[in-house]
N, C-alpha and C. Protein backbone atom coordinates (compact mmCIF):
# COMPACT_ATOMS: atom_id res chain seq x y z
N MET A 1 -0.36 -9.02 -14.65
CA MET A 1 -1.79 -9.14 -14.53
C MET A 1 -2.46 -8.90 -15.87
N ALA A 2 -1.85 -8.05 -16.70
CA ALA A 2 -2.41 -7.79 -18.01
C ALA A 2 -2.31 -9.01 -18.91
N ASP A 3 -1.29 -9.84 -18.70
CA ASP A 3 -1.11 -11.04 -19.52
C ASP A 3 -2.12 -12.13 -19.20
N ARG A 4 -2.71 -12.08 -18.03
CA ARG A 4 -3.67 -13.09 -17.60
C ARG A 4 -4.93 -12.44 -17.07
N PRO A 5 -5.80 -11.95 -17.96
CA PRO A 5 -7.02 -11.28 -17.51
C PRO A 5 -7.92 -12.16 -16.67
N ASP A 6 -7.85 -13.47 -16.84
CA ASP A 6 -8.69 -14.36 -16.04
C ASP A 6 -8.36 -14.25 -14.55
N THR A 7 -7.10 -14.06 -14.22
CA THR A 7 -6.72 -13.85 -12.82
C THR A 7 -6.45 -12.37 -12.54
N GLY A 8 -6.01 -11.65 -13.54
CA GLY A 8 -5.70 -10.23 -13.37
C GLY A 8 -6.91 -9.39 -13.03
N ALA A 9 -8.05 -9.68 -13.65
CA ALA A 9 -9.25 -8.88 -13.39
C ALA A 9 -9.69 -8.97 -11.92
N PRO A 10 -9.78 -10.17 -11.33
CA PRO A 10 -10.17 -10.21 -9.91
C PRO A 10 -9.11 -9.58 -9.00
N LEU A 11 -7.84 -9.72 -9.35
CA LEU A 11 -6.80 -9.09 -8.54
C LEU A 11 -6.89 -7.57 -8.64
N SER A 12 -7.20 -7.07 -9.83
CA SER A 12 -7.39 -5.62 -9.99
C SER A 12 -8.61 -5.14 -9.22
N GLN A 13 -9.67 -5.92 -9.23
CA GLN A 13 -10.87 -5.56 -8.48
C GLN A 13 -10.58 -5.54 -6.99
N LEU A 14 -9.78 -6.48 -6.50
CA LEU A 14 -9.40 -6.49 -5.10
C LEU A 14 -8.61 -5.23 -4.76
N ALA A 15 -7.66 -4.86 -5.61
CA ALA A 15 -6.89 -3.63 -5.38
C ALA A 15 -7.80 -2.41 -5.39
N GLU A 16 -8.76 -2.38 -6.30
CA GLU A 16 -9.72 -1.27 -6.37
C GLU A 16 -10.49 -1.17 -5.05
N THR A 17 -10.96 -2.29 -4.56
CA THR A 17 -11.73 -2.31 -3.32
C THR A 17 -10.87 -1.89 -2.13
N LEU A 18 -9.68 -2.46 -2.03
CA LEU A 18 -8.81 -2.17 -0.89
C LEU A 18 -8.26 -0.75 -0.88
N LEU A 19 -7.94 -0.23 -2.06
CA LEU A 19 -7.18 1.02 -2.12
C LEU A 19 -7.97 2.24 -2.56
N ARG A 20 -9.14 2.03 -3.17
CA ARG A 20 -9.86 3.19 -3.70
C ARG A 20 -11.31 3.31 -3.25
N ALA A 21 -11.96 2.20 -2.96
CA ALA A 21 -13.38 2.25 -2.58
C ALA A 21 -13.53 3.05 -1.28
N PRO A 22 -14.67 3.66 -1.08
CA PRO A 22 -14.86 4.42 0.17
C PRO A 22 -14.62 3.53 1.39
N ARG A 23 -13.70 3.94 2.22
CA ARG A 23 -13.31 3.19 3.41
C ARG A 23 -12.98 4.17 4.52
N SER A 24 -12.48 3.64 5.59
CA SER A 24 -12.16 4.45 6.76
C SER A 24 -10.89 5.29 6.56
N LEU A 25 -9.97 4.83 5.75
CA LEU A 25 -8.71 5.54 5.51
C LEU A 25 -8.74 6.23 4.15
N PRO A 26 -8.14 7.40 4.03
CA PRO A 26 -8.06 8.06 2.72
C PRO A 26 -7.23 7.21 1.75
N PRO A 27 -7.54 7.27 0.45
CA PRO A 27 -6.80 6.46 -0.52
C PRO A 27 -5.27 6.67 -0.47
N GLY A 28 -4.81 7.88 -0.27
CA GLY A 28 -3.37 8.11 -0.21
C GLY A 28 -2.71 7.35 0.92
N GLU A 29 -3.37 7.28 2.06
CA GLU A 29 -2.82 6.53 3.20
C GLU A 29 -2.84 5.03 2.92
N ARG A 30 -3.89 4.56 2.26
CA ARG A 30 -3.96 3.14 1.92
C ARG A 30 -2.86 2.76 0.94
N GLU A 31 -2.62 3.65 -0.03
CA GLU A 31 -1.54 3.42 -0.99
C GLU A 31 -0.18 3.42 -0.28
N LEU A 32 -0.04 4.31 0.71
CA LEU A 32 1.20 4.37 1.47
C LEU A 32 1.44 3.07 2.24
N ILE A 33 0.40 2.50 2.81
CA ILE A 33 0.53 1.22 3.49
C ILE A 33 0.98 0.15 2.50
N ALA A 34 0.37 0.14 1.31
CA ALA A 34 0.77 -0.83 0.27
C ALA A 34 2.23 -0.62 -0.13
N ALA A 35 2.63 0.63 -0.30
CA ALA A 35 4.02 0.92 -0.67
C ALA A 35 4.99 0.48 0.42
N TYR A 36 4.63 0.75 1.67
CA TYR A 36 5.49 0.40 2.81
C TYR A 36 5.68 -1.11 2.91
N VAL A 37 4.59 -1.87 2.84
CA VAL A 37 4.69 -3.32 2.88
C VAL A 37 5.52 -3.83 1.70
N SER A 38 5.30 -3.26 0.54
CA SER A 38 6.05 -3.67 -0.65
C SER A 38 7.54 -3.36 -0.51
N GLU A 39 7.84 -2.24 0.11
CA GLU A 39 9.25 -1.88 0.37
C GLU A 39 9.86 -2.88 1.34
N LEU A 40 9.15 -3.20 2.42
CA LEU A 40 9.65 -4.19 3.38
C LEU A 40 9.86 -5.55 2.73
N ASN A 41 9.00 -5.88 1.77
CA ASN A 41 9.10 -7.16 1.07
C ASN A 41 10.09 -7.13 -0.10
N ARG A 42 10.76 -6.01 -0.26
CA ARG A 42 11.76 -5.86 -1.33
C ARG A 42 11.17 -6.19 -2.71
N THR A 43 10.07 -5.52 -2.99
CA THR A 43 9.39 -5.67 -4.28
C THR A 43 9.41 -4.31 -4.97
N PRO A 44 10.47 -4.02 -5.72
CA PRO A 44 10.63 -2.68 -6.30
C PRO A 44 9.46 -2.22 -7.17
N PHE A 45 8.91 -3.12 -7.99
CA PHE A 45 7.82 -2.69 -8.85
C PHE A 45 6.64 -2.19 -8.03
N CYS A 46 6.21 -2.97 -7.03
CA CYS A 46 5.06 -2.57 -6.22
C CYS A 46 5.40 -1.38 -5.33
N SER A 47 6.59 -1.37 -4.77
CA SER A 47 6.99 -0.25 -3.92
C SER A 47 7.00 1.05 -4.70
N ARG A 48 7.60 1.04 -5.87
CA ARG A 48 7.67 2.26 -6.69
C ARG A 48 6.30 2.66 -7.21
N SER A 49 5.51 1.68 -7.64
CA SER A 49 4.17 1.99 -8.15
C SER A 49 3.31 2.62 -7.07
N HIS A 50 3.19 1.94 -5.95
CA HIS A 50 2.29 2.43 -4.90
C HIS A 50 2.86 3.66 -4.20
N SER A 51 4.16 3.83 -4.22
CA SER A 51 4.75 5.08 -3.73
C SER A 51 4.29 6.24 -4.60
N ALA A 52 4.32 6.05 -5.91
CA ALA A 52 3.86 7.10 -6.83
C ALA A 52 2.37 7.35 -6.65
N PHE A 53 1.59 6.29 -6.46
CA PHE A 53 0.15 6.45 -6.29
C PHE A 53 -0.15 7.19 -4.97
N ALA A 54 0.61 6.87 -3.93
CA ALA A 54 0.43 7.56 -2.64
C ALA A 54 0.84 9.02 -2.77
N ALA A 55 2.00 9.25 -3.37
CA ALA A 55 2.52 10.62 -3.50
C ALA A 55 1.54 11.51 -4.27
N ALA A 56 0.87 10.95 -5.25
CA ALA A 56 -0.09 11.72 -6.04
C ALA A 56 -1.32 12.11 -5.23
N GLN A 57 -1.52 11.47 -4.06
CA GLN A 57 -2.72 11.71 -3.29
C GLN A 57 -2.47 12.26 -1.89
N LEU A 58 -1.21 12.43 -1.53
CA LEU A 58 -0.87 12.93 -0.20
C LEU A 58 -0.24 14.32 -0.32
N ALA A 59 -0.57 15.19 0.62
CA ALA A 59 -0.07 16.56 0.58
C ALA A 59 1.46 16.63 0.58
N GLY A 60 2.12 15.71 1.22
CA GLY A 60 3.58 15.72 1.28
C GLY A 60 4.27 15.22 0.04
N GLY A 61 3.52 14.63 -0.89
CA GLY A 61 4.06 14.16 -2.15
C GLY A 61 5.19 13.15 -2.02
N PRO A 62 6.06 13.11 -3.04
CA PRO A 62 7.14 12.12 -3.05
C PRO A 62 8.09 12.21 -1.86
N GLY A 63 8.34 13.42 -1.36
CA GLY A 63 9.24 13.57 -0.22
C GLY A 63 8.70 12.89 1.02
N LEU A 64 7.42 13.03 1.26
CA LEU A 64 6.80 12.37 2.41
C LEU A 64 6.86 10.86 2.26
N VAL A 65 6.53 10.36 1.09
CA VAL A 65 6.54 8.92 0.86
C VAL A 65 7.96 8.37 1.06
N ALA A 66 8.95 9.04 0.51
CA ALA A 66 10.34 8.59 0.68
C ALA A 66 10.73 8.57 2.14
N ALA A 67 10.30 9.58 2.89
CA ALA A 67 10.62 9.63 4.32
C ALA A 67 9.98 8.47 5.07
N VAL A 68 8.74 8.14 4.73
CA VAL A 68 8.05 7.02 5.38
C VAL A 68 8.76 5.71 5.05
N LEU A 69 9.12 5.51 3.80
CA LEU A 69 9.78 4.26 3.43
C LEU A 69 11.14 4.14 4.10
N ALA A 70 11.81 5.25 4.29
CA ALA A 70 13.13 5.24 4.94
C ALA A 70 13.03 4.99 6.43
N ASP A 71 12.06 5.64 7.08
CA ASP A 71 11.92 5.51 8.54
C ASP A 71 10.60 6.12 8.99
N PRO A 72 9.55 5.30 9.09
CA PRO A 72 8.24 5.86 9.46
C PRO A 72 8.23 6.51 10.84
N ASP A 73 9.14 6.10 11.72
CA ASP A 73 9.19 6.71 13.05
C ASP A 73 9.66 8.15 13.02
N ARG A 74 10.37 8.53 11.98
CA ARG A 74 10.89 9.89 11.87
C ARG A 74 10.15 10.74 10.83
N ALA A 75 9.31 10.09 10.04
CA ALA A 75 8.59 10.79 8.98
C ALA A 75 7.52 11.71 9.57
N ASP A 76 7.20 12.76 8.84
CA ASP A 76 6.21 13.75 9.27
C ASP A 76 4.79 13.25 8.93
N ILE A 77 4.35 12.24 9.69
CA ILE A 77 3.01 11.69 9.52
C ILE A 77 2.33 11.70 10.88
N THR A 78 1.03 11.50 10.86
CA THR A 78 0.29 11.50 12.12
C THR A 78 0.67 10.28 12.96
N PRO A 79 0.56 10.41 14.27
CA PRO A 79 0.81 9.24 15.12
C PRO A 79 -0.13 8.07 14.79
N ARG A 80 -1.34 8.37 14.37
CA ARG A 80 -2.29 7.32 13.99
C ARG A 80 -1.75 6.53 12.80
N LEU A 81 -1.30 7.23 11.76
CA LEU A 81 -0.77 6.56 10.58
C LEU A 81 0.50 5.79 10.92
N ARG A 82 1.35 6.36 11.75
CA ARG A 82 2.57 5.67 12.18
C ARG A 82 2.21 4.35 12.88
N ALA A 83 1.20 4.39 13.75
CA ALA A 83 0.77 3.18 14.45
C ALA A 83 0.19 2.14 13.48
N LEU A 84 -0.54 2.61 12.48
CA LEU A 84 -1.08 1.68 11.49
C LEU A 84 0.04 1.05 10.65
N LEU A 85 1.06 1.82 10.34
CA LEU A 85 2.20 1.25 9.62
C LEU A 85 2.92 0.19 10.45
N ARG A 86 2.96 0.38 11.75
CA ARG A 86 3.55 -0.66 12.62
C ARG A 86 2.71 -1.94 12.56
N ILE A 87 1.40 -1.78 12.54
CA ILE A 87 0.53 -2.95 12.40
C ILE A 87 0.81 -3.64 11.06
N ALA A 88 0.90 -2.85 9.99
CA ALA A 88 1.18 -3.41 8.67
C ALA A 88 2.50 -4.19 8.67
N ALA A 89 3.50 -3.65 9.35
CA ALA A 89 4.80 -4.32 9.42
C ALA A 89 4.68 -5.65 10.16
N GLU A 90 3.88 -5.69 11.22
CA GLU A 90 3.69 -6.95 11.95
C GLU A 90 2.99 -7.98 11.07
N VAL A 91 1.97 -7.56 10.35
CA VAL A 91 1.24 -8.47 9.47
C VAL A 91 2.19 -9.02 8.41
N ARG A 92 3.01 -8.17 7.88
CA ARG A 92 3.97 -8.56 6.84
C ARG A 92 5.01 -9.53 7.39
N GLU A 93 5.36 -9.37 8.63
CA GLU A 93 6.43 -10.17 9.23
C GLU A 93 6.02 -11.62 9.43
N GLN A 94 4.80 -11.85 9.94
CA GLN A 94 4.42 -13.22 10.28
C GLN A 94 2.89 -13.31 10.38
N ALA A 95 2.37 -14.44 9.97
CA ALA A 95 0.92 -14.67 10.03
C ALA A 95 0.54 -15.11 11.44
N ARG A 96 0.34 -14.13 12.28
CA ARG A 96 -0.08 -14.35 13.66
C ARG A 96 -0.87 -13.13 14.10
N PRO A 97 -1.57 -13.20 15.21
CA PRO A 97 -2.33 -12.04 15.66
C PRO A 97 -1.43 -10.81 15.85
N VAL A 98 -1.97 -9.67 15.50
CA VAL A 98 -1.25 -8.42 15.74
C VAL A 98 -1.08 -8.26 17.25
N SER A 99 0.07 -7.77 17.67
CA SER A 99 0.36 -7.66 19.10
C SER A 99 -0.60 -6.71 19.80
N ASP A 100 -0.87 -7.02 21.06
CA ASP A 100 -1.71 -6.15 21.87
C ASP A 100 -1.12 -4.74 21.94
N HIS A 101 0.21 -4.66 22.01
CA HIS A 101 0.87 -3.36 22.08
C HIS A 101 0.57 -2.52 20.83
N ALA A 102 0.70 -3.15 19.64
CA ALA A 102 0.43 -2.41 18.39
C ALA A 102 -1.03 -1.99 18.31
N LEU A 103 -1.94 -2.88 18.71
CA LEU A 103 -3.36 -2.54 18.66
C LEU A 103 -3.70 -1.42 19.65
N THR A 104 -3.17 -1.51 20.87
CA THR A 104 -3.44 -0.48 21.88
C THR A 104 -2.88 0.86 21.43
N THR A 105 -1.68 0.85 20.89
CA THR A 105 -1.06 2.09 20.41
C THR A 105 -1.92 2.71 19.31
N ALA A 106 -2.35 1.90 18.35
CA ALA A 106 -3.17 2.42 17.25
C ALA A 106 -4.48 3.00 17.78
N ARG A 107 -5.11 2.29 18.68
CA ARG A 107 -6.38 2.80 19.25
C ARG A 107 -6.15 4.07 20.05
N ASN A 108 -5.07 4.12 20.80
CA ASN A 108 -4.75 5.34 21.56
C ASN A 108 -4.46 6.53 20.66
N GLU A 109 -4.04 6.26 19.44
CA GLU A 109 -3.75 7.34 18.49
C GLU A 109 -4.95 7.66 17.60
N GLY A 110 -6.09 7.05 17.90
CA GLY A 110 -7.33 7.41 17.20
C GLY A 110 -7.78 6.46 16.12
N ALA A 111 -7.09 5.34 15.93
CA ALA A 111 -7.51 4.37 14.92
C ALA A 111 -8.66 3.53 15.47
N GLY A 112 -9.67 3.36 14.66
CA GLY A 112 -10.80 2.52 15.04
C GLY A 112 -10.66 1.13 14.45
N ASP A 113 -11.63 0.29 14.76
CA ASP A 113 -11.60 -1.09 14.29
C ASP A 113 -11.57 -1.17 12.76
N ASP A 114 -12.32 -0.30 12.07
CA ASP A 114 -12.33 -0.34 10.61
C ASP A 114 -10.96 0.00 10.03
N GLU A 115 -10.29 0.99 10.60
CA GLU A 115 -8.96 1.36 10.11
C GLU A 115 -7.95 0.25 10.36
N ILE A 116 -8.05 -0.38 11.51
CA ILE A 116 -7.16 -1.50 11.82
C ILE A 116 -7.45 -2.67 10.89
N HIS A 117 -8.71 -2.99 10.70
CA HIS A 117 -9.10 -4.06 9.77
C HIS A 117 -8.54 -3.79 8.38
N ASP A 118 -8.77 -2.58 7.87
CA ASP A 118 -8.33 -2.26 6.52
C ASP A 118 -6.81 -2.32 6.40
N THR A 119 -6.11 -1.89 7.43
CA THR A 119 -4.64 -1.96 7.42
C THR A 119 -4.18 -3.41 7.36
N VAL A 120 -4.77 -4.26 8.18
CA VAL A 120 -4.39 -5.68 8.18
C VAL A 120 -4.67 -6.30 6.81
N LEU A 121 -5.82 -6.00 6.24
CA LEU A 121 -6.18 -6.59 4.95
C LEU A 121 -5.27 -6.08 3.83
N ILE A 122 -4.97 -4.79 3.81
CA ILE A 122 -4.06 -4.25 2.79
C ILE A 122 -2.68 -4.91 2.93
N ALA A 123 -2.17 -4.97 4.15
CA ALA A 123 -0.84 -5.57 4.36
C ALA A 123 -0.82 -7.03 3.94
N ALA A 124 -1.85 -7.78 4.31
CA ALA A 124 -1.90 -9.20 3.94
C ALA A 124 -2.00 -9.36 2.42
N ALA A 125 -2.85 -8.57 1.80
CA ALA A 125 -3.01 -8.65 0.35
C ALA A 125 -1.71 -8.29 -0.37
N PHE A 126 -1.00 -7.29 0.15
CA PHE A 126 0.22 -6.90 -0.53
C PHE A 126 1.36 -7.89 -0.32
N CYS A 127 1.30 -8.68 0.72
CA CYS A 127 2.24 -9.80 0.81
C CYS A 127 1.99 -10.76 -0.35
N MET A 128 0.71 -11.01 -0.66
CA MET A 128 0.37 -11.87 -1.79
C MET A 128 0.75 -11.22 -3.11
N TYR A 129 0.37 -9.95 -3.32
CA TYR A 129 0.72 -9.26 -4.57
C TYR A 129 2.24 -9.24 -4.75
N ASN A 130 2.97 -8.96 -3.68
CA ASN A 130 4.43 -8.88 -3.78
C ASN A 130 5.02 -10.23 -4.20
N ARG A 131 4.51 -11.29 -3.63
CA ARG A 131 5.02 -12.60 -4.01
C ARG A 131 4.66 -12.93 -5.46
N TYR A 132 3.49 -12.55 -5.88
CA TYR A 132 3.08 -12.75 -7.27
C TYR A 132 4.05 -12.05 -8.21
N VAL A 133 4.35 -10.81 -7.94
CA VAL A 133 5.25 -10.02 -8.78
C VAL A 133 6.69 -10.55 -8.70
N ASN A 134 7.18 -10.79 -7.49
CA ASN A 134 8.56 -11.25 -7.34
C ASN A 134 8.77 -12.66 -7.89
N CYS A 135 7.85 -13.56 -7.60
CA CYS A 135 8.03 -14.95 -8.01
C CYS A 135 7.93 -15.14 -9.52
N LEU A 136 7.25 -14.25 -10.19
CA LEU A 136 7.19 -14.30 -11.66
C LEU A 136 8.27 -13.43 -12.30
N ALA A 137 9.18 -12.90 -11.47
CA ALA A 137 10.31 -12.10 -11.96
C ALA A 137 9.84 -10.97 -12.89
N THR A 138 8.86 -10.23 -12.43
CA THR A 138 8.32 -9.13 -13.21
C THR A 138 9.43 -8.14 -13.55
N THR A 139 9.51 -7.77 -14.81
CA THR A 139 10.52 -6.83 -15.28
C THR A 139 10.13 -5.42 -14.87
N LEU A 140 11.10 -4.67 -14.37
CA LEU A 140 10.83 -3.28 -14.00
C LEU A 140 10.71 -2.42 -15.25
N PRO A 141 9.81 -1.45 -15.23
CA PRO A 141 9.68 -0.54 -16.37
C PRO A 141 10.98 0.23 -16.61
N THR A 142 11.26 0.51 -17.86
CA THR A 142 12.48 1.25 -18.20
C THR A 142 12.21 2.72 -18.49
N ARG A 143 10.97 3.06 -18.79
CA ARG A 143 10.64 4.47 -19.05
C ARG A 143 10.74 5.25 -17.75
N PRO A 144 11.48 6.36 -17.73
CA PRO A 144 11.63 7.12 -16.49
C PRO A 144 10.32 7.68 -15.93
N ASP A 145 9.35 7.92 -16.79
CA ASP A 145 8.09 8.52 -16.34
C ASP A 145 7.00 7.47 -16.09
N TYR A 146 7.34 6.20 -16.17
CA TYR A 146 6.33 5.14 -16.05
C TYR A 146 5.47 5.30 -14.80
N TYR A 147 6.11 5.45 -13.64
CA TYR A 147 5.36 5.47 -12.38
C TYR A 147 4.49 6.72 -12.25
N ASP A 148 4.96 7.85 -12.76
CA ASP A 148 4.17 9.08 -12.72
C ASP A 148 2.94 8.96 -13.63
N VAL A 149 3.14 8.40 -14.81
CA VAL A 149 2.02 8.21 -15.74
C VAL A 149 1.02 7.22 -15.13
N ALA A 150 1.53 6.13 -14.58
CA ALA A 150 0.65 5.14 -13.95
C ALA A 150 -0.12 5.75 -12.79
N ALA A 151 0.53 6.62 -12.02
CA ALA A 151 -0.14 7.27 -10.88
C ALA A 151 -1.30 8.12 -11.37
N ARG A 152 -1.09 8.89 -12.42
CA ARG A 152 -2.18 9.72 -12.95
C ARG A 152 -3.36 8.85 -13.40
N LEU A 153 -3.06 7.73 -14.04
CA LEU A 153 -4.13 6.83 -14.50
C LEU A 153 -4.87 6.19 -13.34
N ILE A 154 -4.13 5.72 -12.36
CA ILE A 154 -4.78 5.06 -11.21
C ILE A 154 -5.64 6.06 -10.44
N VAL A 155 -5.11 7.25 -10.20
CA VAL A 155 -5.86 8.25 -9.43
C VAL A 155 -7.12 8.66 -10.20
N SER A 156 -7.03 8.79 -11.51
CA SER A 156 -8.19 9.27 -12.26
C SER A 156 -9.14 8.15 -12.68
N CYS A 157 -8.61 6.96 -12.97
CA CYS A 157 -9.45 5.89 -13.54
C CYS A 157 -9.59 4.65 -12.67
N GLY A 158 -8.67 4.45 -11.75
CA GLY A 158 -8.74 3.28 -10.88
C GLY A 158 -8.02 2.07 -11.43
N TYR A 159 -8.11 1.00 -10.67
CA TYR A 159 -7.40 -0.24 -11.00
C TYR A 159 -8.14 -1.10 -12.00
N THR A 160 -9.42 -0.92 -12.16
CA THR A 160 -10.21 -1.81 -13.02
C THR A 160 -10.47 -1.23 -14.40
N ALA A 161 -10.03 -0.03 -14.68
CA ALA A 161 -10.31 0.60 -15.96
C ALA A 161 -9.67 -0.15 -17.12
N GLN A 162 -8.57 -0.88 -16.87
CA GLN A 162 -7.87 -1.57 -17.93
C GLN A 162 -8.55 -2.88 -18.30
N HIS A 163 -9.45 -3.39 -17.46
CA HIS A 163 -10.05 -4.71 -17.69
C HIS A 163 -11.47 -4.60 -18.16
């Protein structure tokens, strides 16, 4: 995205809006949804980046994020967040309406229409971001601290500070 500011800037603004702007879900949970979809899509750069961004904003830190990526059904997260991750997985799987079962479960666990909307939009957007990164064969960072440094910058400055 840095190599193409003409397209990178609007994509960064979209990420800023989806993941950081005041919304129904806390930023750490939104980042976790992005990381989860990216993990399902086998996009290491996005999965590792958004995992670090989520970990920096969630009380459970990296251990919680790793547990969610490994198995959200067994991770120590709220039933509401677990239900939203199931919705994200459905959106990632196929472009069709989210199942009545997933929607009912999410609503029964306390998710409202705004949280469901935001989850669907984050999941759909990250399918696009993941394909952008994977299809251009983005090189993974080699610095061991890259993701931690990036997390500090994103949490403090956001996605649009670079543009």
